[in-house]
Structure formats: C-alpha cells, structure tokens
Amino acid sequence: MSMTMDRQEKRLTGWHVLAMLIGFFGFIFAVNGAMIYFAIGSFPGTVTDSSYRDSQRFNAEIAAARAQAERGWKVATHTERSADGHAVVRIEARDAAGKPLTGIAFKATLQRPTDRREDRVVALGAVPGREGVFQGLTEGVAAGQWHLVVEGDGPQGRLFLSENRLVLN
C-alpha cells in the first residue's frame, strides 16, 4: 500500500508580491513620517537670522577678539543649578594686573543647544563688598547641557565676550 501525502503547494502569486511591496513601503513611509514629525517638532530654529549680515560683521568680531586678548582680562565663571531649577551664575573679573574690574556691566545668557525657547538671560549685579565679583539668579533651568555666554559692556560698547559649554545637574 502506498501512502501519499496530499500537500497543497503554496504558490507565490503576483498579488502576494504586490501586498508585500505595499506593506514594506507603507512601513518605510510611516517611519519616515514619524521621524519628520519629531524633527520638525524639536527643531530649535536658526542660529542667526541672516548669515549674510553676520558674515559682513566677521572682521569686526575678529578685531574685537584680538582687542579682548590684548587687554589680558581674567574672567572666571561658576554656575550652579539647584534641584528646583534655579541657577546662580557668578563671575569674577580681573584685569591683566590682577585688579578687580569695575565700571563694566556684565550679563550672562544660558543658551540651550537643543531649544532656543529655553534660553535664559541672567542680569549680573555687583556683589556688595567684593569688587570684581558679579552674580545673578535665574529660574526654570533644566538639567543638561547649556552654553554660557558672558558679555561685558563698557562705555565704548562690548569689551568682553566668552562662550562656554557646561553641564548642569
């Protein structure tokens, strides 16, 4: 007696191939759509409004940086963040001879690299009894990476500029 197994062959038809192609590319389009949605939602915007205008000021920025280096000022910054989101920015500014800097208005900006909407401007005031020490407080500062931009303005305009990346816990 002979036993034969009746097995029906599964055939790959054109409709099966079409369904697989539609499923594959549908999945790719869905993933791309999700990535586009999250990219647009998290894009912090532009760094500058006009790169052409900024390029025209490039030589002036280089000259200002050279003048700043020639002054030989030493400006030390210290930034602390508390658990409730308050951040204290303190700077100590001294001239080339080590004397405290006075007559300069300092301001600091905490810039979030990932979202310009989270930038915080910190007004720095002179600390009473400590010449050359300036301090300011801001709130709503999340933990993570930040750029600290410190500017010092005198009667002639900006005399000092420093940009540093820091991590606040």
C-alpha atoms as a PDB file:
ATOM      1  CA  MET A   1       0.000   0.000   0.000  1.00  0.00           C
ATOM      2  CA  SER A   2       1.352   3.357  -0.848  1.00  0.00           C
ATOM      3  CA  MET A   3       0.764   6.432   1.161  1.00  0.00           C
ATOM      4  CA  THR A   4       0.904   9.761  -0.442  1.00  0.00           C
ATOM      5  CA  MET A   5       0.530  12.946   1.384  1.00  0.00           C
ATOM      6  CA  ASP A   6      -1.636  15.411  -0.287  1.00  0.00           C
ATOM      7  CA  ARG A   7       0.006  18.707   0.279  1.00  0.00           C
ATOM      8  CA  GLN A   8      -1.170  21.729  -1.430  1.00  0.00           C
ATOM      9  CA  GLU A   9       1.654  23.844  -2.707  1.00  0.00           C
ATOM     10  CA  LYS A  10       1.619  27.461  -1.674  1.00  0.00           C
ATOM     11  CA  ARG A  11       2.225  29.498  -4.709  1.00  0.00           C
ATOM     12  CA  LEU A  12       3.650  32.975  -4.748  1.00  0.00           C
ATOM     13  CA  THR A  13       1.399  34.966  -6.973  1.00  0.00           C
ATOM     14  CA  GLY A  14       1.587  38.497  -8.254  1.00  0.00           C
ATOM     15  CA  TRP A  15      -0.969  39.591  -5.662  1.00  0.00           C
ATOM     16  CA  HIS A  16       1.228  38.271  -2.859  1.00  0.00           C
ATOM     17  CA  VAL A  17       4.244  40.160  -4.197  1.00  0.00           C
ATOM     18  CA  LEU A  18       2.164  43.330  -4.549  1.00  0.00           C
ATOM     19  CA  ALA A  19       0.910  43.017  -0.960  1.00  0.00           C
ATOM     20  CA  MET A  20       4.468  42.514   0.329  1.00  0.00           C
ATOM     21  CA  LEU A  21       5.720  45.568  -1.584  1.00  0.00           C
ATOM     22  CA  ILE A  22       2.850  47.733  -0.358  1.00  0.00           C
ATOM     23  CA  GLY A  23       3.426  46.557   3.228  1.00  0.00           C
ATOM     24  CA  PHE A  24       7.169  47.166   3.049  1.00  0.00           C
ATOM     25  CA  PHE A  25       6.950  50.646   1.559  1.00  0.00           C
ATOM     26  CA  GLY A  26       3.983  51.523   3.773  1.00  0.00           C
ATOM     27  CA  PHE A  27       6.127  50.735   6.805  1.00  0.00           C
ATOM     28  CA  ILE A  28       9.004  52.842   5.426  1.00  0.00           C
ATOM     29  CA  PHE A  29       6.658  55.801   4.782  1.00  0.00           C
ATOM     30  CA  ALA A  30       5.182  55.510   8.287  1.00  0.00           C
ATOM     31  CA  VAL A  31       8.624  55.531   9.934  1.00  0.00           C
ATOM     32  CA  ASN A  32       9.775  58.459   7.767  1.00  0.00           C
ATOM     33  CA  GLY A  33       6.595  60.354   8.605  1.00  0.00           C
ATOM     34  CA  ALA A  34       7.161  59.829  12.327  1.00  0.00           C
ATOM     35  CA  MET A  35      10.780  60.963  12.026  1.00  0.00           C
ATOM     36  CA  ILE A  36       9.750  64.089  10.100  1.00  0.00           C
ATOM     37  CA  TYR A  37       7.101  64.890  12.716  1.00  0.00           C
ATOM     38  CA  PHE A  38       9.579  64.620  15.604  1.00  0.00           C
ATOM     39  CA  ALA A  39      12.299  66.516  13.702  1.00  0.00           C
ATOM     40  CA  ILE A  40      10.015  69.453  12.962  1.00  0.00           C
ATOM     41  CA  GLY A  41       8.644  69.485  16.499  1.00  0.00           C
ATOM     42  CA  SER A  42      12.082  69.538  18.111  1.00  0.00           C
ATOM     43  CA  PHE A  43      13.944  71.851  15.704  1.00  0.00           C
ATOM     44  CA  PRO A  44      15.072  74.825  17.800  1.00  0.00           C
ATOM     45  CA  GLY A  45      15.221  77.234  14.890  1.00  0.00           C
ATOM     46  CA  THR A  46      18.049  79.070  13.274  1.00  0.00           C
ATOM     47  CA  VAL A  47      21.202  80.252  14.991  1.00  0.00           C
ATOM     48  CA  THR A  48      21.211  83.518  13.087  1.00  0.00           C
ATOM     49  CA  ASP A  49      18.544  85.434  11.238  1.00  0.00           C
ATOM     50  CA  SER A  50      20.843  86.465   8.404  1.00  0.00           C
ATOM     51  CA  SER A  51      24.087  84.672   7.713  1.00  0.00           C
ATOM     52  CA  TYR A  52      24.960  87.322   5.118  1.00  0.00           C
ATOM     53  CA  ARG A  53      24.734  90.142   7.678  1.00  0.00           C
ATOM     54  CA  ASP A  54      26.747  88.102  10.164  1.00  0.00           C
ATOM     55  CA  SER A  55      29.432  87.453   7.557  1.00  0.00           C
ATOM     56  CA  GLN A  56      29.726  91.206   6.997  1.00  0.00           C
ATOM     57  CA  ARG A  57      30.474  91.671  10.711  1.00  0.00           C
ATOM     58  CA  PHE A  58      33.048  88.864  10.789  1.00  0.00           C
ATOM     59  CA  ASN A  59      36.128  91.112  10.525  1.00  0.00           C
ATOM     60  CA  ALA A  60      34.805  93.368  13.292  1.00  0.00           C
ATOM     61  CA  GLU A  61      34.318  90.307  15.534  1.00  0.00           C
ATOM     62  CA  ILE A  62      37.891  89.176  14.843  1.00  0.00           C
ATOM     63  CA  ALA A  63      39.190  92.665  15.732  1.00  0.00           C
ATOM     64  CA  ALA A  64      37.118  92.677  18.944  1.00  0.00           C
ATOM     65  CA  ALA A  65      38.512  89.254  19.902  1.00  0.00           C
ATOM     66  CA  ARG A  66      42.075  90.493  19.353  1.00  0.00           C
ATOM     67  CA  ALA A  67      41.428  93.617  21.436  1.00  0.00           C
ATOM     68  CA  GLN A  68      39.948  91.436  24.197  1.00  0.00           C
ATOM     69  CA  ALA A  69      43.015  89.180  24.168  1.00  0.00           C
ATOM     70  CA  GLU A  70      45.330  92.227  24.333  1.00  0.00           C
ATOM     71  CA  ARG A  71      43.538  93.509  27.449  1.00  0.00           C
ATOM     72  CA  GLY A  72      44.530  90.283  29.221  1.00  0.00           C
ATOM     73  CA  TRP A  73      41.467  90.175  31.445  1.00  0.00           C
ATOM     74  CA  LYS A  74      40.899  87.071  33.546  1.00  0.00           C
ATOM     75  CA  VAL A  75      37.221  86.252  33.949  1.00  0.00           C
ATOM     76  CA  ALA A  76      36.300  83.116  35.901  1.00  0.00           C
ATOM     77  CA  THR A  77      32.735  81.818  35.794  1.00  0.00           C
ATOM     78  CA  HIS A  78      30.915  79.499  38.157  1.00  0.00           C
ATOM     79  CA  THR A  79      27.374  78.233  37.597  1.00  0.00           C
ATOM     80  CA  GLU A  80      25.294  76.143  39.997  1.00  0.00           C
ATOM     81  CA  ARG A  81      21.811  74.721  39.498  1.00  0.00           C
ATOM     82  CA  SER A  82      19.576  73.739  42.407  1.00  0.00           C
ATOM     83  CA  ALA A  83      17.052  70.889  42.316  1.00  0.00           C
ATOM     84  CA  ASP A  84      14.148  73.340  41.950  1.00  0.00           C
ATOM     85  CA  GLY A  85      15.551  74.703  38.664  1.00  0.00           C
ATOM     86  CA  HIS A  86      17.143  77.910  39.948  1.00  0.00           C
ATOM     87  CA  ALA A  87      20.604  78.664  38.606  1.00  0.00           C
ATOM     88  CA  VAL A  88      23.167  81.053  40.067  1.00  0.00           C
ATOM     89  CA  VAL A  89      25.805  82.477  37.731  1.00  0.00           C
ATOM     90  CA  ARG A  90      28.805  84.114  39.372  1.00  0.00           C
ATOM     91  CA  ILE A  91      31.802  85.658  37.651  1.00  0.00           C
ATOM     92  CA  GLU A  92      34.998  87.126  38.998  1.00  0.00           C
ATOM     93  CA  ALA A  93      36.629  89.624  36.645  1.00  0.00           C
ATOM     94  CA  ARG A  94      40.181  90.932  36.965  1.00  0.00           C
ATOM     95  CA  ASP A  95      42.382  92.988  34.676  1.00  0.00           C
ATOM     96  CA  ALA A  96      45.850  91.981  33.464  1.00  0.00           C
ATOM     97  CA  ALA A  97      47.417  93.281  36.694  1.00  0.00           C
ATOM     98  CA  GLY A  98      45.029  91.199  38.823  1.00  0.00           C
ATOM     99  CA  LYS A  99      42.950  94.165  39.989  1.00  0.00           C
ATOM    100  CA  PRO A 100      39.151  93.779  40.116  1.00  0.00           C
ATOM    101  CA  LEU A 101      37.296  95.108  37.077  1.00  0.00           C
ATOM    102  CA  THR A 102      34.864  97.912  37.822  1.00  0.00           C
ATOM    103  CA  GLY A 103      32.727 100.064  35.565  1.00  0.00           C
ATOM    104  CA  ILE A 104      31.817  97.117  33.353  1.00  0.00           C
ATOM    105  CA  ALA A 105      28.231  95.863  33.075  1.00  0.00           C
ATOM    106  CA  PHE A 106      28.234  92.088  32.769  1.00  0.00           C
ATOM    107  CA  LYS A 107      25.364  89.924  31.624  1.00  0.00           C
ATOM    108  CA  ALA A 108      25.134  86.198  31.119  1.00  0.00           C
ATOM    109  CA  THR A 109      22.911  84.107  28.895  1.00  0.00           C
ATOM    110  CA  LEU A 110      22.275  80.419  29.429  1.00  0.00           C
ATOM    111  CA  GLN A 111      21.522  79.046  25.977  1.00  0.00           C
ATOM    112  CA  ARG A 112      20.035  75.604  25.474  1.00  0.00           C
ATOM    113  CA  PRO A 113      21.738  73.975  22.446  1.00  0.00           C
ATOM    114  CA  THR A 114      18.616  71.980  21.623  1.00  0.00           C
ATOM    115  CA  ASP A 115      15.910  74.623  22.031  1.00  0.00           C
ATOM    116  CA  ARG A 116      16.289  78.412  21.809  1.00  0.00           C
ATOM    117  CA  ARG A 117      12.954  78.813  23.571  1.00  0.00           C
ATOM    118  CA  GLU A 118      14.628  77.700  26.822  1.00  0.00           C
ATOM    119  CA  ASP A 119      17.355  80.389  26.733  1.00  0.00           C
ATOM    120  CA  ARG A 120      17.634  82.422  29.936  1.00  0.00           C
ATOM    121  CA  VAL A 121      19.186  85.885  30.291  1.00  0.00           C
ATOM    122  CA  VAL A 122      20.809  86.426  33.685  1.00  0.00           C
ATOM    123  CA  ALA A 123      21.289  90.002  34.881  1.00  0.00           C
ATOM    124  CA  LEU A 124      24.561  90.077  36.792  1.00  0.00           C
ATOM    125  CA  GLY A 125      24.887  92.589  39.584  1.00  0.00           C
ATOM    126  CA  ALA A 126      27.959  93.514  41.599  1.00  0.00           C
ATOM    127  CA  VAL A 127      28.263  91.563  44.845  1.00  0.00           C
ATOM    128  CA  PRO A 128      28.430  94.064  47.736  1.00  0.00           C
ATOM    129  CA  GLY A 129      31.803  94.114  49.461  1.00  0.00           C
ATOM    130  CA  ARG A 130      33.520  92.083  46.719  1.00  0.00           C
ATOM    131  CA  GLU A 131      34.905  94.211  43.902  1.00  0.00           C
ATOM    132  CA  GLY A 132      35.052  92.490  40.551  1.00  0.00           C
ATOM    133  CA  VAL A 133      32.527  89.797  41.533  1.00  0.00           C
ATOM    134  CA  PHE A 134      29.165  89.750  39.776  1.00  0.00           C
ATOM    135  CA  GLN A 135      26.276  87.394  40.418  1.00  0.00           C
ATOM    136  CA  GLY A 136      22.784  86.731  39.101  1.00  0.00           C
ATOM    137  CA  LEU A 137      19.931  84.261  39.504  1.00  0.00           C
ATOM    138  CA  THR A 138      17.508  82.776  37.011  1.00  0.00           C
ATOM    139  CA  GLU A 139      14.829  80.118  37.283  1.00  0.00           C
ATOM    140  CA  GLY A 140      13.360  77.431  35.082  1.00  0.00           C
ATOM    141  CA  VAL A 141      16.738  75.937  34.195  1.00  0.00           C
ATOM    142  CA  ALA A 142      16.538  72.238  33.351  1.00  0.00           C
ATOM    143  CA  ALA A 143      19.381  69.825  33.931  1.00  0.00           C
ATOM    144  CA  GLY A 144      21.575  69.076  30.935  1.00  0.00           C
ATOM    145  CA  GLN A 145      23.954  70.790  28.527  1.00  0.00           C
ATOM    146  CA  TRP A 146      23.956  74.564  28.186  1.00  0.00           C
ATOM    147  CA  HIS A 147      26.074  77.269  26.579  1.00  0.00           C
ATOM    148  CA  LEU A 148      27.041  80.066  28.942  1.00  0.00           C
ATOM    149  CA  VAL A 149      27.606  83.339  27.089  1.00  0.00           C
ATOM    150  CA  VAL A 150      29.099  86.137  29.206  1.00  0.00           C
ATOM    151  CA  GLU A 151      29.274  89.688  27.841  1.00  0.00           C
ATOM    152  CA  GLY A 152      30.904  92.715  29.425  1.00  0.00           C
ATOM    153  CA  ASP A 153      29.872  96.144  28.190  1.00  0.00           C
ATOM    154  CA  GLY A 154      31.656  99.410  28.859  1.00  0.00           C
ATOM    155  CA  PRO A 155      31.090 102.958  27.632  1.00  0.00           C
ATOM    156  CA  GLN A 156      32.641 102.057  24.241  1.00  0.00           C
ATOM    157  CA  GLY A 157      30.432  99.001  23.707  1.00  0.00           C
ATOM    158  CA  ARG A 158      31.160  95.333  24.202  1.00  0.00           C
ATOM    159  CA  LEU A 159      34.582  94.799  25.757  1.00  0.00           C
ATOM    160  CA  PHE A 160      34.353  91.122  26.696  1.00  0.00           C
ATOM    161  CA  LEU A 161      32.704  88.020  25.230  1.00  0.00           C
ATOM    162  CA  SER A 162      33.061  84.431  26.367  1.00  0.00           C
ATOM    163  CA  GLU A 163      31.142  81.327  25.299  1.00  0.00           C
ATOM    164  CA  ASN A 164      31.487  78.066  27.215  1.00  0.00           C
ATOM    165  CA  ARG A 165      29.617  74.768  27.179  1.00  0.00           C
ATOM    166  CA  LEU A 166      28.659  73.402  30.555  1.00  0.00           C
ATOM    167  CA  VAL A 167      26.570  70.612  32.040  1.00  0.00           C
ATOM    168  CA  LEU A 168      24.174  71.470  34.850  1.00  0.00           C
ATOM    169  CA  ASN A 169      22.900  68.670  37.084  1.00  0.00           C
END
